[in-house]
N, C-alpha and C. Protein backbone atom coordinates (compact mmCIF):
# COMPACT_ATOMS: atom_id res chain seq x y z
N MET A 1 0.85 -1.18 0.00
CA MET A 1 0.00 0.00 0.00
C MET A 1 0.89 1.23 0.00
N THR A 2 0.67 2.12 -0.96
CA THR A 2 1.44 3.36 -1.02
C THR A 2 0.67 4.46 -0.30
N PRO A 3 1.36 5.51 0.14
CA PRO A 3 0.66 6.61 0.80
C PRO A 3 -0.45 7.20 -0.07
N ALA A 4 -0.31 7.17 -1.37
CA ALA A 4 -1.32 7.76 -2.25
C ALA A 4 -2.67 7.06 -2.15
N ASN A 5 -2.69 5.76 -1.87
CA ASN A 5 -3.97 5.06 -1.78
C ASN A 5 -4.25 4.50 -0.39
N GLU A 6 -3.44 4.86 0.58
CA GLU A 6 -3.65 4.44 1.96
C GLU A 6 -4.81 5.26 2.56
N ASP A 7 -5.69 4.59 3.29
CA ASP A 7 -6.76 5.36 3.91
C ASP A 7 -6.39 5.70 5.35
N VAL A 8 -7.18 6.56 5.98
CA VAL A 8 -6.86 7.05 7.31
C VAL A 8 -6.83 5.92 8.34
N VAL A 9 -7.67 4.91 8.16
CA VAL A 9 -7.65 3.78 9.10
C VAL A 9 -6.33 3.03 8.97
N GLU A 10 -5.91 2.76 7.75
CA GLU A 10 -4.63 2.06 7.54
C GLU A 10 -3.47 2.88 8.11
N LEU A 11 -3.53 4.20 7.94
CA LEU A 11 -2.50 5.07 8.51
C LEU A 11 -2.48 4.95 10.03
N LEU A 12 -3.64 4.99 10.65
CA LEU A 12 -3.70 4.89 12.11
C LEU A 12 -3.27 3.51 12.61
N LEU A 13 -3.59 2.48 11.85
CA LEU A 13 -3.13 1.13 12.23
C LEU A 13 -1.61 1.05 12.15
N SER A 14 -1.02 1.71 11.14
CA SER A 14 0.45 1.72 11.07
C SER A 14 1.03 2.50 12.23
N HIS A 15 0.34 3.56 12.66
CA HIS A 15 0.78 4.28 13.86
C HIS A 15 0.80 3.35 15.06
N HIS A 16 -0.24 2.52 15.20
CA HIS A 16 -0.28 1.59 16.33
C HIS A 16 0.95 0.69 16.34
N GLN A 17 1.35 0.21 15.18
CA GLN A 17 2.53 -0.65 15.10
C GLN A 17 3.80 0.13 15.47
N GLN A 18 3.92 1.33 14.96
CA GLN A 18 5.08 2.17 15.27
C GLN A 18 5.14 2.50 16.76
N ILE A 19 4.00 2.77 17.36
CA ILE A 19 3.94 3.09 18.79
C ILE A 19 4.40 1.89 19.61
N LYS A 20 3.95 0.71 19.25
CA LYS A 20 4.39 -0.50 19.96
C LYS A 20 5.90 -0.69 19.84
N LEU A 21 6.43 -0.46 18.65
CA LEU A 21 7.88 -0.57 18.46
C LEU A 21 8.64 0.44 19.32
N LEU A 22 8.15 1.67 19.37
CA LEU A 22 8.82 2.69 20.17
C LEU A 22 8.78 2.36 21.66
N PHE A 23 7.67 1.83 22.13
CA PHE A 23 7.62 1.41 23.53
C PHE A 23 8.67 0.33 23.79
N GLY A 24 8.80 -0.62 22.87
CA GLY A 24 9.81 -1.67 23.01
C GLY A 24 11.22 -1.12 23.00
N GLN A 25 11.49 -0.16 22.12
CA GLN A 25 12.80 0.46 22.06
C GLN A 25 13.11 1.26 23.33
N LEU A 26 12.09 1.90 23.88
CA LEU A 26 12.28 2.67 25.12
C LEU A 26 12.71 1.77 26.27
N ASP A 27 12.18 0.56 26.31
CA ASP A 27 12.54 -0.38 27.38
C ASP A 27 14.03 -0.70 27.37
N LYS A 28 14.63 -0.69 26.17
CA LYS A 28 16.04 -1.09 26.03
C LYS A 28 17.01 0.08 25.97
N ALA A 29 16.51 1.25 25.60
CA ALA A 29 17.40 2.40 25.36
C ALA A 29 17.87 3.02 26.67
N THR A 30 19.00 3.70 26.57
CA THR A 30 19.56 4.44 27.71
C THR A 30 20.04 5.80 27.25
N GLY A 31 20.23 6.70 28.21
CA GLY A 31 20.83 8.00 27.93
C GLY A 31 20.10 8.80 26.88
N GLU A 32 20.89 9.39 25.98
CA GLU A 32 20.35 10.25 24.93
C GLU A 32 19.42 9.49 23.98
N ALA A 33 19.74 8.25 23.69
CA ALA A 33 18.88 7.44 22.81
C ALA A 33 17.51 7.25 23.45
N ARG A 34 17.46 7.07 24.75
CA ARG A 34 16.18 6.93 25.46
C ARG A 34 15.38 8.22 25.36
N GLN A 35 16.05 9.36 25.53
CA GLN A 35 15.37 10.65 25.44
C GLN A 35 14.81 10.86 24.03
N ARG A 36 15.62 10.59 23.01
CA ARG A 36 15.16 10.75 21.62
C ARG A 36 13.97 9.83 21.32
N THR A 37 14.05 8.60 21.79
CA THR A 37 12.97 7.65 21.55
C THR A 37 11.69 8.10 22.25
N PHE A 38 11.83 8.60 23.47
CA PHE A 38 10.67 9.11 24.20
C PHE A 38 10.04 10.28 23.44
N GLU A 39 10.85 11.18 22.94
CA GLU A 39 10.33 12.32 22.19
C GLU A 39 9.65 11.86 20.90
N GLN A 40 10.20 10.85 20.23
CA GLN A 40 9.54 10.30 19.03
C GLN A 40 8.18 9.71 19.40
N LEU A 41 8.13 8.99 20.51
CA LEU A 41 6.87 8.40 20.96
C LEU A 41 5.83 9.48 21.23
N VAL A 42 6.21 10.51 21.97
CA VAL A 42 5.27 11.59 22.28
C VAL A 42 4.79 12.26 21.00
N GLY A 43 5.69 12.53 20.07
CA GLY A 43 5.30 13.15 18.81
C GLY A 43 4.32 12.30 18.03
N LEU A 44 4.60 11.00 17.95
CA LEU A 44 3.71 10.11 17.21
C LEU A 44 2.35 9.99 17.90
N LEU A 45 2.36 9.87 19.22
CA LEU A 45 1.09 9.82 19.95
C LEU A 45 0.29 11.10 19.74
N ALA A 46 0.98 12.24 19.71
CA ALA A 46 0.30 13.51 19.50
C ALA A 46 -0.37 13.56 18.13
N VAL A 47 0.37 13.18 17.11
CA VAL A 47 -0.19 13.16 15.75
C VAL A 47 -1.37 12.19 15.70
N HIS A 48 -1.16 11.00 16.22
CA HIS A 48 -2.18 9.96 16.17
C HIS A 48 -3.47 10.41 16.87
N GLU A 49 -3.35 10.89 18.09
CA GLU A 49 -4.55 11.29 18.83
C GLU A 49 -5.23 12.49 18.20
N SER A 50 -4.46 13.40 17.67
CA SER A 50 -5.06 14.56 17.01
C SER A 50 -5.84 14.17 15.76
N VAL A 51 -5.29 13.25 14.99
CA VAL A 51 -6.01 12.75 13.81
C VAL A 51 -7.33 12.12 14.24
N GLU A 52 -7.27 11.33 15.28
CA GLU A 52 -8.50 10.69 15.76
C GLU A 52 -9.51 11.73 16.25
N GLU A 53 -9.05 12.65 17.07
CA GLU A 53 -9.96 13.62 17.67
C GLU A 53 -10.57 14.58 16.65
N GLU A 54 -9.80 14.95 15.64
CA GLU A 54 -10.28 15.93 14.67
C GLU A 54 -10.97 15.31 13.46
N LEU A 55 -10.58 14.09 13.08
CA LEU A 55 -11.11 13.49 11.86
C LEU A 55 -11.94 12.23 12.11
N VAL A 56 -11.38 11.29 12.81
CA VAL A 56 -11.98 9.96 12.89
C VAL A 56 -13.13 9.90 13.89
N HIS A 57 -12.93 10.42 15.09
CA HIS A 57 -14.01 10.35 16.09
C HIS A 57 -15.28 11.08 15.65
N PRO A 58 -15.17 12.28 15.09
CA PRO A 58 -16.42 12.92 14.62
C PRO A 58 -17.14 12.08 13.56
N MET A 59 -16.36 11.46 12.68
CA MET A 59 -16.97 10.60 11.67
C MET A 59 -17.64 9.39 12.32
N ALA A 60 -16.98 8.81 13.31
CA ALA A 60 -17.57 7.65 13.99
C ALA A 60 -18.87 8.02 14.69
N ARG A 61 -18.92 9.20 15.27
CA ARG A 61 -20.17 9.66 15.91
C ARG A 61 -21.31 9.72 14.88
N ARG A 62 -20.98 10.17 13.67
CA ARG A 62 -22.00 10.29 12.61
C ARG A 62 -22.36 8.97 11.97
N GLU A 63 -21.37 8.13 11.73
CA GLU A 63 -21.57 6.97 10.87
C GLU A 63 -21.88 5.66 11.59
N LEU A 64 -21.50 5.54 12.85
CA LEU A 64 -21.74 4.29 13.57
C LEU A 64 -22.98 4.42 14.45
N ASP A 65 -23.81 3.37 14.47
CA ASP A 65 -25.03 3.41 15.27
C ASP A 65 -24.75 3.72 16.74
N ASP A 66 -23.69 3.18 17.27
CA ASP A 66 -23.31 3.41 18.66
C ASP A 66 -22.11 4.33 18.77
N GLY A 67 -21.97 5.21 17.78
CA GLY A 67 -20.80 6.06 17.68
C GLY A 67 -20.52 6.91 18.91
N ASP A 68 -21.56 7.47 19.50
CA ASP A 68 -21.34 8.32 20.68
C ASP A 68 -20.69 7.54 21.81
N SER A 69 -21.19 6.36 22.10
CA SER A 69 -20.62 5.58 23.22
C SER A 69 -19.22 5.08 22.88
N VAL A 70 -19.00 4.68 21.63
CA VAL A 70 -17.67 4.22 21.21
C VAL A 70 -16.66 5.36 21.35
N VAL A 71 -17.01 6.53 20.84
CA VAL A 71 -16.09 7.67 20.87
C VAL A 71 -15.88 8.17 22.29
N ASP A 72 -16.93 8.27 23.08
CA ASP A 72 -16.77 8.75 24.45
C ASP A 72 -15.80 7.88 25.25
N ALA A 73 -15.88 6.58 25.06
CA ALA A 73 -14.95 5.67 25.75
C ALA A 73 -13.52 5.92 25.29
N ARG A 74 -13.31 6.09 23.98
CA ARG A 74 -11.96 6.32 23.47
C ARG A 74 -11.43 7.67 23.95
N LEU A 75 -12.28 8.70 23.96
CA LEU A 75 -11.82 10.01 24.42
C LEU A 75 -11.39 9.99 25.88
N GLY A 76 -12.09 9.23 26.70
CA GLY A 76 -11.68 9.09 28.10
C GLY A 76 -10.31 8.46 28.22
N GLU A 77 -10.09 7.42 27.43
CA GLU A 77 -8.77 6.76 27.43
C GLU A 77 -7.68 7.71 26.94
N GLU A 78 -7.98 8.47 25.90
CA GLU A 78 -7.00 9.41 25.35
C GLU A 78 -6.65 10.50 26.35
N GLN A 79 -7.64 10.98 27.09
CA GLN A 79 -7.38 12.01 28.09
C GLN A 79 -6.46 11.48 29.18
N GLU A 80 -6.67 10.26 29.60
CA GLU A 80 -5.79 9.65 30.61
C GLU A 80 -4.37 9.50 30.07
N ALA A 81 -4.25 9.11 28.81
CA ALA A 81 -2.92 8.97 28.20
C ALA A 81 -2.20 10.32 28.14
N LYS A 82 -2.92 11.39 27.83
CA LYS A 82 -2.31 12.72 27.78
C LYS A 82 -1.80 13.12 29.17
N ARG A 83 -2.60 12.83 30.19
CA ARG A 83 -2.16 13.14 31.55
C ARG A 83 -0.90 12.35 31.91
N ALA A 84 -0.90 11.07 31.54
CA ALA A 84 0.27 10.23 31.84
C ALA A 84 1.51 10.73 31.09
N LEU A 85 1.36 11.13 29.84
CA LEU A 85 2.48 11.68 29.08
C LEU A 85 3.01 12.96 29.73
N ASP A 86 2.11 13.81 30.14
CA ASP A 86 2.52 15.05 30.79
C ASP A 86 3.29 14.73 32.08
N GLU A 87 2.81 13.76 32.84
CA GLU A 87 3.50 13.37 34.07
C GLU A 87 4.89 12.79 33.77
N LEU A 88 4.98 11.97 32.72
CA LEU A 88 6.28 11.42 32.34
C LEU A 88 7.25 12.53 31.92
N TYR A 89 6.76 13.51 31.18
CA TYR A 89 7.62 14.64 30.81
C TYR A 89 8.12 15.37 32.05
N GLU A 90 7.22 15.57 33.00
CA GLU A 90 7.61 16.26 34.24
C GLU A 90 8.66 15.46 35.00
N LEU A 91 8.51 14.15 35.03
CA LEU A 91 9.47 13.30 35.75
C LEU A 91 10.82 13.29 35.05
N GLY A 92 10.82 13.13 33.75
CA GLY A 92 12.05 12.98 32.99
C GLY A 92 12.48 11.52 32.95
N ILE A 93 13.24 11.16 31.92
CA ILE A 93 13.59 9.76 31.68
C ILE A 93 14.50 9.17 32.75
N ASP A 94 15.17 10.01 33.53
CA ASP A 94 16.10 9.51 34.54
C ASP A 94 15.46 9.33 35.92
N HIS A 95 14.22 9.72 36.06
CA HIS A 95 13.54 9.59 37.36
C HIS A 95 13.30 8.12 37.69
N ALA A 96 13.39 7.78 38.95
CA ALA A 96 13.24 6.39 39.39
C ALA A 96 11.87 5.80 39.03
N ASP A 97 10.83 6.62 38.97
CA ASP A 97 9.49 6.13 38.68
C ASP A 97 9.16 6.10 37.18
N PHE A 98 10.06 6.60 36.35
CA PHE A 98 9.77 6.70 34.93
C PHE A 98 9.42 5.34 34.32
N GLY A 99 10.23 4.32 34.59
CA GLY A 99 10.01 3.01 33.99
C GLY A 99 8.67 2.40 34.35
N VAL A 100 8.29 2.49 35.61
CA VAL A 100 7.02 1.93 36.07
C VAL A 100 5.85 2.67 35.44
N LYS A 101 5.94 4.00 35.42
CA LYS A 101 4.85 4.81 34.84
C LYS A 101 4.79 4.62 33.31
N LEU A 102 5.94 4.45 32.69
CA LEU A 102 5.96 4.19 31.25
C LEU A 102 5.31 2.85 30.94
N ALA A 103 5.57 1.84 31.75
CA ALA A 103 4.96 0.52 31.54
C ALA A 103 3.43 0.61 31.68
N ALA A 104 2.96 1.38 32.66
CA ALA A 104 1.51 1.55 32.83
C ALA A 104 0.92 2.26 31.62
N LEU A 105 1.62 3.28 31.11
CA LEU A 105 1.15 3.97 29.91
C LEU A 105 1.13 3.02 28.72
N ARG A 106 2.18 2.24 28.56
CA ARG A 106 2.25 1.28 27.44
C ARG A 106 1.05 0.34 27.48
N ASP A 107 0.74 -0.20 28.65
CA ASP A 107 -0.38 -1.13 28.77
C ASP A 107 -1.71 -0.44 28.44
N ALA A 108 -1.88 0.79 28.92
CA ALA A 108 -3.11 1.52 28.65
C ALA A 108 -3.23 1.87 27.17
N VAL A 109 -2.14 2.29 26.56
CA VAL A 109 -2.16 2.64 25.14
C VAL A 109 -2.43 1.40 24.28
N THR A 110 -1.86 0.27 24.67
CA THR A 110 -2.09 -0.97 23.92
C THR A 110 -3.56 -1.38 24.00
N ALA A 111 -4.15 -1.31 25.19
CA ALA A 111 -5.58 -1.65 25.34
C ALA A 111 -6.45 -0.67 24.55
N HIS A 112 -6.08 0.59 24.58
CA HIS A 112 -6.81 1.62 23.83
C HIS A 112 -6.75 1.33 22.33
N ALA A 113 -5.57 0.99 21.82
CA ALA A 113 -5.41 0.69 20.40
C ALA A 113 -6.27 -0.51 20.00
N GLU A 114 -6.28 -1.54 20.82
CA GLU A 114 -7.09 -2.72 20.51
C GLU A 114 -8.57 -2.37 20.47
N ALA A 115 -9.03 -1.52 21.38
CA ALA A 115 -10.44 -1.11 21.38
C ALA A 115 -10.76 -0.28 20.14
N GLU A 116 -9.87 0.62 19.76
CA GLU A 116 -10.09 1.41 18.55
C GLU A 116 -10.21 0.51 17.33
N GLU A 117 -9.30 -0.43 17.22
CA GLU A 117 -9.31 -1.31 16.06
C GLU A 117 -10.60 -2.12 15.99
N ALA A 118 -11.04 -2.64 17.12
CA ALA A 118 -12.22 -3.51 17.15
C ALA A 118 -13.53 -2.74 17.02
N PHE A 119 -13.65 -1.63 17.71
CA PHE A 119 -14.95 -0.96 17.82
C PHE A 119 -15.13 0.26 16.93
N GLU A 120 -14.04 0.74 16.34
CA GLU A 120 -14.15 1.98 15.58
C GLU A 120 -13.55 1.87 14.18
N PHE A 121 -12.27 1.59 14.08
CA PHE A 121 -11.57 1.69 12.80
C PHE A 121 -12.14 0.77 11.73
N ARG A 122 -12.16 -0.51 11.98
CA ARG A 122 -12.61 -1.46 10.96
C ARG A 122 -14.07 -1.24 10.59
N ARG A 123 -14.86 -0.86 11.56
CA ARG A 123 -16.28 -0.59 11.29
C ARG A 123 -16.43 0.63 10.38
N LEU A 124 -15.58 1.64 10.58
CA LEU A 124 -15.64 2.81 9.71
C LEU A 124 -15.25 2.45 8.28
N GLN A 125 -14.25 1.60 8.12
CA GLN A 125 -13.86 1.18 6.76
C GLN A 125 -15.02 0.50 6.05
N ALA A 126 -15.89 -0.14 6.81
CA ALA A 126 -17.01 -0.85 6.19
C ALA A 126 -18.15 0.07 5.76
N VAL A 127 -18.25 1.28 6.36
CA VAL A 127 -19.41 2.12 6.08
C VAL A 127 -19.10 3.47 5.44
N VAL A 128 -17.83 3.87 5.41
CA VAL A 128 -17.47 5.19 4.87
C VAL A 128 -16.85 5.01 3.49
N ASP A 129 -17.16 5.95 2.61
CA ASP A 129 -16.63 5.94 1.25
C ASP A 129 -15.10 5.86 1.27
N PRO A 130 -14.52 4.90 0.55
CA PRO A 130 -13.06 4.75 0.54
C PRO A 130 -12.31 6.02 0.10
N ASP A 131 -12.87 6.75 -0.86
CA ASP A 131 -12.21 7.99 -1.30
C ASP A 131 -12.14 9.02 -0.18
N GLN A 132 -13.18 9.09 0.62
CA GLN A 132 -13.17 10.03 1.75
C GLN A 132 -12.10 9.62 2.76
N LEU A 133 -11.99 8.34 3.04
CA LEU A 133 -10.97 7.85 3.97
C LEU A 133 -9.56 8.12 3.45
N THR A 134 -9.38 8.02 2.14
CA THR A 134 -8.07 8.30 1.53
C THR A 134 -7.75 9.79 1.64
N ARG A 135 -8.73 10.65 1.39
CA ARG A 135 -8.50 12.10 1.53
C ARG A 135 -8.15 12.45 2.98
N MET A 136 -8.79 11.78 3.91
CA MET A 136 -8.50 12.03 5.32
C MET A 136 -7.06 11.63 5.67
N ALA A 137 -6.57 10.57 5.05
CA ALA A 137 -5.18 10.15 5.28
C ALA A 137 -4.22 11.21 4.76
N ALA A 138 -4.54 11.79 3.61
CA ALA A 138 -3.68 12.85 3.07
C ALA A 138 -3.63 14.04 4.02
N ALA A 139 -4.77 14.42 4.59
CA ALA A 139 -4.81 15.52 5.55
C ALA A 139 -4.00 15.17 6.79
N ALA A 140 -4.09 13.93 7.23
CA ALA A 140 -3.34 13.49 8.41
C ALA A 140 -1.84 13.52 8.15
N ARG A 141 -1.41 13.08 6.97
CA ARG A 141 0.02 13.10 6.64
C ARG A 141 0.55 14.54 6.58
N PHE A 142 -0.25 15.44 6.03
CA PHE A 142 0.14 16.84 5.99
C PHE A 142 0.36 17.37 7.41
N ALA A 143 -0.55 17.09 8.30
CA ALA A 143 -0.43 17.56 9.68
C ALA A 143 0.81 16.99 10.34
N ALA A 144 1.14 15.76 10.05
CA ALA A 144 2.31 15.13 10.66
C ALA A 144 3.60 15.82 10.24
N THR A 145 3.66 16.34 9.02
CA THR A 145 4.88 17.00 8.58
C THR A 145 5.09 18.34 9.29
N ALA A 146 4.02 18.93 9.79
CA ALA A 146 4.12 20.23 10.45
C ALA A 146 4.26 20.11 11.96
N ALA A 147 4.13 18.93 12.50
CA ALA A 147 4.15 18.75 13.95
C ALA A 147 5.57 18.76 14.49
N PRO A 148 5.79 19.45 15.63
CA PRO A 148 7.10 19.39 16.26
C PRO A 148 7.36 17.99 16.81
N THR A 149 8.59 17.62 16.91
CA THR A 149 8.94 16.29 17.40
C THR A 149 9.66 16.33 18.74
N ARG A 150 9.81 17.52 19.29
CA ARG A 150 10.43 17.63 20.61
C ARG A 150 9.77 18.79 21.35
N PRO A 151 10.07 18.97 22.61
CA PRO A 151 9.41 20.02 23.39
C PRO A 151 9.53 21.40 22.75
N HIS A 152 8.48 22.18 22.87
CA HIS A 152 8.45 23.54 22.33
C HIS A 152 9.28 24.44 23.24
N PRO A 153 10.31 25.09 22.71
CA PRO A 153 11.23 25.86 23.55
C PRO A 153 10.65 27.13 24.15
N GLY A 154 9.53 27.64 23.65
CA GLY A 154 8.96 28.89 24.15
C GLY A 154 8.07 28.73 25.36
N VAL A 155 7.91 27.52 25.88
CA VAL A 155 7.04 27.30 27.02
C VAL A 155 7.72 27.81 28.29
N PRO A 156 7.05 28.68 29.07
CA PRO A 156 7.63 29.15 30.33
C PRO A 156 7.95 27.98 31.26
N THR A 157 8.82 28.21 32.24
CA THR A 157 9.29 27.12 33.09
C THR A 157 8.51 26.94 34.38
N SER A 158 7.44 27.68 34.61
CA SER A 158 6.66 27.49 35.83
C SER A 158 5.88 26.19 35.75
N ALA A 159 5.55 25.63 36.91
CA ALA A 159 4.81 24.37 36.95
C ALA A 159 3.45 24.50 36.28
N VAL A 160 2.75 25.59 36.53
CA VAL A 160 1.43 25.79 35.93
C VAL A 160 1.55 25.91 34.41
N ALA A 161 2.51 26.69 33.96
CA ALA A 161 2.70 26.85 32.51
C ALA A 161 3.07 25.53 31.87
N ASN A 162 3.92 24.75 32.52
CA ASN A 162 4.28 23.45 31.96
C ASN A 162 3.08 22.54 31.87
N LEU A 163 2.21 22.57 32.86
CA LEU A 163 1.03 21.72 32.84
C LEU A 163 0.08 22.14 31.72
N LEU A 164 -0.12 23.45 31.59
CA LEU A 164 -1.09 23.94 30.59
C LEU A 164 -0.50 24.07 29.20
N LEU A 165 0.77 24.45 29.09
CA LEU A 165 1.36 24.75 27.80
C LEU A 165 2.57 23.89 27.49
N GLY A 166 2.80 22.88 28.32
CA GLY A 166 4.00 22.07 28.21
C GLY A 166 4.15 21.36 26.89
N PRO A 167 5.29 20.74 26.72
CA PRO A 167 5.62 20.11 25.44
C PRO A 167 4.55 19.16 24.88
N PRO A 168 3.99 18.25 25.65
CA PRO A 168 2.98 17.38 25.03
C PRO A 168 1.77 18.15 24.53
N LEU A 169 1.32 19.14 25.30
CA LEU A 169 0.14 19.90 24.88
C LEU A 169 0.45 20.80 23.70
N ALA A 170 1.63 21.36 23.64
CA ALA A 170 2.00 22.18 22.49
C ALA A 170 2.00 21.36 21.21
N VAL A 171 2.49 20.14 21.31
CA VAL A 171 2.48 19.25 20.14
C VAL A 171 1.04 18.97 19.72
N PHE A 172 0.19 18.62 20.68
CA PHE A 172 -1.21 18.33 20.34
C PHE A 172 -1.86 19.55 19.67
N ASP A 173 -1.64 20.74 20.21
CA ASP A 173 -2.25 21.94 19.64
C ASP A 173 -1.77 22.22 18.23
N ARG A 174 -0.47 22.12 17.97
CA ARG A 174 0.05 22.40 16.64
C ARG A 174 -0.47 21.39 15.61
N VAL A 175 -0.53 20.14 15.98
CA VAL A 175 -1.06 19.13 15.06
C VAL A 175 -2.53 19.39 14.79
N ARG A 176 -3.29 19.69 15.82
CA ARG A 176 -4.72 19.97 15.67
C ARG A 176 -4.94 21.13 14.71
N ASP A 177 -4.17 22.20 14.84
CA ASP A 177 -4.29 23.34 13.93
C ASP A 177 -4.00 22.93 12.50
N GLY A 178 -2.96 22.13 12.29
CA GLY A 178 -2.62 21.66 10.95
C GLY A 178 -3.73 20.82 10.34
N LEU A 179 -4.35 19.96 11.16
CA LEU A 179 -5.46 19.13 10.67
C LEU A 179 -6.65 19.99 10.27
N ARG A 180 -6.99 20.94 11.10
CA ARG A 180 -8.13 21.81 10.79
C ARG A 180 -7.91 22.55 9.47
N GLU A 181 -6.72 23.09 9.29
CA GLU A 181 -6.42 23.82 8.05
C GLU A 181 -6.46 22.89 6.84
N ALA A 182 -5.90 21.70 6.98
CA ALA A 182 -5.91 20.75 5.87
C ALA A 182 -7.34 20.34 5.51
N MET A 183 -8.18 20.14 6.50
CA MET A 183 -9.57 19.75 6.20
C MET A 183 -10.34 20.92 5.60
N ARG A 184 -10.06 22.15 6.03
CA ARG A 184 -10.71 23.31 5.40
C ARG A 184 -10.31 23.39 3.92
N GLN A 185 -9.03 23.17 3.63
CA GLN A 185 -8.56 23.20 2.24
C GLN A 185 -9.21 22.08 1.44
N ASP A 186 -9.32 20.89 2.04
CA ASP A 186 -9.92 19.75 1.35
C ASP A 186 -11.39 20.05 1.05
N ALA A 187 -12.10 20.65 2.00
CA ALA A 187 -13.51 20.98 1.78
C ALA A 187 -13.66 22.02 0.68
N THR A 188 -12.77 22.99 0.65
CA THR A 188 -12.81 24.03 -0.39
C THR A 188 -12.49 23.43 -1.75
N ASN A 189 -11.51 22.54 -1.82
CA ASN A 189 -11.10 21.94 -3.08
C ASN A 189 -12.15 20.95 -3.63
N SER A 190 -12.94 20.34 -2.76
CA SER A 190 -13.88 19.33 -3.22
C SER A 190 -15.22 19.94 -3.66
N ARG A 191 -15.35 21.25 -3.54
CA ARG A 191 -16.59 21.92 -3.98
C ARG A 191 -16.63 22.13 -5.44
């Protein structure tokens, strides 16, 4: 499958595989390699969750008979993952609790991915026009190219500012903005 004909579900499924690989690499990495791998993981999770929140979940609410309950459950899981990522950033990779908290996040993210695949993604492929899903993948890839892959340097150093504007949230916001703009352009071009 080439990017030109890959749909948004296939893209998100490939993200799931990449996320699992990064979690595995984090378990083995040390020092600077561990920090780089953690930053790659956060960046990919940010892109992935933003694509879901801006593109896939709204579609699931519209297209699936039980879309509201399916999406609400996934959003709750995603919010918990964002909190855990923020906590891991605050701790840093060298903190004694980092490994235990990372393992808990890995388990939660894995369970979340399995639920998405079973209750949302494959069902959407069955009911949504394939061309629309392909266009959504193109918008998602565009957003990924604009997303930062490491902490945003302009974030103030206070605890409150880090919580509200810290690196994980800055990544989520920038990706979300890119997705919105790409979808506006797609809507304008398809008229």
